[in-house]
């Protein structure tokens, strides 16, 4: 049996925006990423993709940092 260890989260990362294409209208829309990261800033779990708004993504990142008692690293800006 193989034992793979999950990396330990040391920070919450908030990055973006990146461009994505709306599947219905074909318009270009921004998306941000929020995730718990290890010491090398690599994801240590689920990566949340937020297309709703910068404010929504910022609120998610803030809640995650508060709930997990981890520092928040912001590499994001509004679209």
C-alpha atoms as a PDB file:
ATOM      1  CA  UNK A   1       0.000   0.000   0.000  1.00  0.00           C
ATOM      2  CA  UNK A   2       1.357   3.395  -0.995  1.00  0.00           C
ATOM      3  CA  UNK A   3       1.235   6.246   1.475  1.00  0.00           C
ATOM      4  CA  UNK A   4       1.226   9.622  -0.171  1.00  0.00           C
ATOM      5  CA  UNK A   5       1.290  12.589   2.127  1.00  0.00           C
ATOM      6  CA  UNK A   6      -0.721  15.682   1.354  1.00  0.00           C
ATOM      7  CA  UNK A   7       1.378  18.824   1.516  1.00  0.00           C
ATOM      8  CA  UNK A   8       0.670  20.934   4.588  1.00  0.00           C
ATOM      9  CA  UNK A   9      -1.025  24.245   3.867  1.00  0.00           C
ATOM     10  CA  UNK A  10       0.963  27.231   5.133  1.00  0.00           C
ATOM     11  CA  UNK A  11      -0.977  30.043   3.416  1.00  0.00           C
ATOM     12  CA  UNK A  12      -4.092  30.932   1.451  1.00  0.00           C
ATOM     13  CA  UNK A  13      -3.389  32.191  -2.093  1.00  0.00           C
ATOM     14  CA  UNK A  14      -5.644  34.534  -4.072  1.00  0.00           C
ATOM     15  CA  UNK A  15      -4.571  34.913  -7.719  1.00  0.00           C
ATOM     16  CA  UNK A  16      -5.888  36.296 -10.992  1.00  0.00           C
ATOM     17  CA  UNK A  17      -7.583  37.347 -13.073  1.00  0.00           C
ATOM     18  CA  UNK A  18      -7.096  34.994 -15.998  1.00  0.00           C
ATOM     19  CA  UNK A  19      -9.271  35.161 -19.080  1.00  0.00           C
ATOM     20  CA  UNK A  20     -11.921  32.522 -19.709  1.00  0.00           C
ATOM     21  CA  UNK A  21     -14.662  32.295 -22.337  1.00  0.00           C
ATOM     22  CA  UNK A  22     -18.342  32.208 -21.374  1.00  0.00           C
ATOM     23  CA  UNK A  23     -19.785  28.988 -22.832  1.00  0.00           C
ATOM     24  CA  UNK A  24     -23.130  30.587 -23.698  1.00  0.00           C
ATOM     25  CA  UNK A  25     -22.314  34.055 -25.031  1.00  0.00           C
ATOM     26  CA  UNK A  26     -18.727  33.484 -26.124  1.00  0.00           C
ATOM     27  CA  UNK A  27     -17.667  36.629 -24.251  1.00  0.00           C
ATOM     28  CA  UNK A  28     -14.347  36.769 -22.458  1.00  0.00           C
ATOM     29  CA  UNK A  29     -14.791  36.783 -18.676  1.00  0.00           C
ATOM     30  CA  UNK A  30     -12.266  37.042 -15.831  1.00  0.00           C
ATOM     31  CA  UNK A  31     -11.672  34.284 -13.309  1.00  0.00           C
ATOM     32  CA  UNK A  32      -9.747  34.202 -10.050  1.00  0.00           C
ATOM     33  CA  UNK A  33      -8.248  31.306  -8.081  1.00  0.00           C
ATOM     34  CA  UNK A  34      -8.347  30.795  -4.311  1.00  0.00           C
ATOM     35  CA  UNK A  35      -6.581  27.885  -2.640  1.00  0.00           C
ATOM     36  CA  UNK A  36      -4.651  26.662   0.372  1.00  0.00           C
ATOM     37  CA  UNK A  37      -0.987  26.436  -0.590  1.00  0.00           C
ATOM     38  CA  UNK A  38       2.172  24.862   0.762  1.00  0.00           C
ATOM     39  CA  UNK A  39       5.435  26.704   1.454  1.00  0.00           C
ATOM     40  CA  UNK A  40       6.274  26.648  -2.282  1.00  0.00           C
ATOM     41  CA  UNK A  41       2.905  28.288  -3.135  1.00  0.00           C
ATOM     42  CA  UNK A  42       1.675  25.053  -4.722  1.00  0.00           C
ATOM     43  CA  UNK A  43      -1.925  23.942  -4.074  1.00  0.00           C
ATOM     44  CA  UNK A  44      -2.329  21.777  -0.983  1.00  0.00           C
ATOM     45  CA  UNK A  45      -5.921  20.818  -1.775  1.00  0.00           C
ATOM     46  CA  UNK A  46      -8.872  22.010  -3.815  1.00  0.00           C
ATOM     47  CA  UNK A  47      -8.423  25.068  -6.048  1.00  0.00           C
ATOM     48  CA  UNK A  48     -11.561  27.229  -6.157  1.00  0.00           C
ATOM     49  CA  UNK A  49     -12.206  29.017  -9.463  1.00  0.00           C
ATOM     50  CA  UNK A  50     -14.335  32.136  -9.029  1.00  0.00           C
ATOM     51  CA  UNK A  51     -15.934  33.772 -12.064  1.00  0.00           C
ATOM     52  CA  UNK A  52     -18.589  35.803 -10.229  1.00  0.00           C
ATOM     53  CA  UNK A  53     -16.508  38.844  -9.204  1.00  0.00           C
ATOM     54  CA  UNK A  54     -13.269  40.029  -7.651  1.00  0.00           C
ATOM     55  CA  UNK A  55     -15.164  40.936  -4.465  1.00  0.00           C
ATOM     56  CA  UNK A  56     -16.669  37.448  -4.184  1.00  0.00           C
ATOM     57  CA  UNK A  57     -13.231  35.823  -4.642  1.00  0.00           C
ATOM     58  CA  UNK A  58     -11.661  38.213  -2.104  1.00  0.00           C
ATOM     59  CA  UNK A  59     -14.371  37.402   0.442  1.00  0.00           C
ATOM     60  CA  UNK A  60     -13.816  33.652  -0.079  1.00  0.00           C
ATOM     61  CA  UNK A  61     -10.057  34.046   0.372  1.00  0.00           C
ATOM     62  CA  UNK A  62     -10.552  36.089   3.540  1.00  0.00           C
ATOM     63  CA  UNK A  63     -12.956  33.540   5.029  1.00  0.00           C
ATOM     64  CA  UNK A  64     -10.599  30.662   4.223  1.00  0.00           C
ATOM     65  CA  UNK A  65      -7.647  32.461   5.837  1.00  0.00           C
ATOM     66  CA  UNK A  66      -9.693  33.295   8.951  1.00  0.00           C
ATOM     67  CA  UNK A  67     -11.153  29.803   9.345  1.00  0.00           C
ATOM     68  CA  UNK A  68      -7.782  28.085   8.901  1.00  0.00           C
ATOM     69  CA  UNK A  69      -5.720  30.686  10.786  1.00  0.00           C
ATOM     70  CA  UNK A  70      -3.357  31.031   7.827  1.00  0.00           C
ATOM     71  CA  UNK A  71      -1.846  34.148   6.254  1.00  0.00           C
ATOM     72  CA  UNK A  72      -3.458  35.451   3.077  1.00  0.00           C
ATOM     73  CA  UNK A  73      -1.169  36.054   0.069  1.00  0.00           C
ATOM     74  CA  UNK A  74      -2.863  38.278  -2.510  1.00  0.00           C
ATOM     75  CA  UNK A  75      -1.568  38.121  -6.075  1.00  0.00           C
ATOM     76  CA  UNK A  76      -4.873  39.257  -7.560  1.00  0.00           C
ATOM     77  CA  UNK A  77      -6.402  42.448  -8.870  1.00  0.00           C
ATOM     78  CA  UNK A  78      -9.808  43.493 -10.175  1.00  0.00           C
ATOM     79  CA  UNK A  79     -10.475  42.864 -13.864  1.00  0.00           C
END
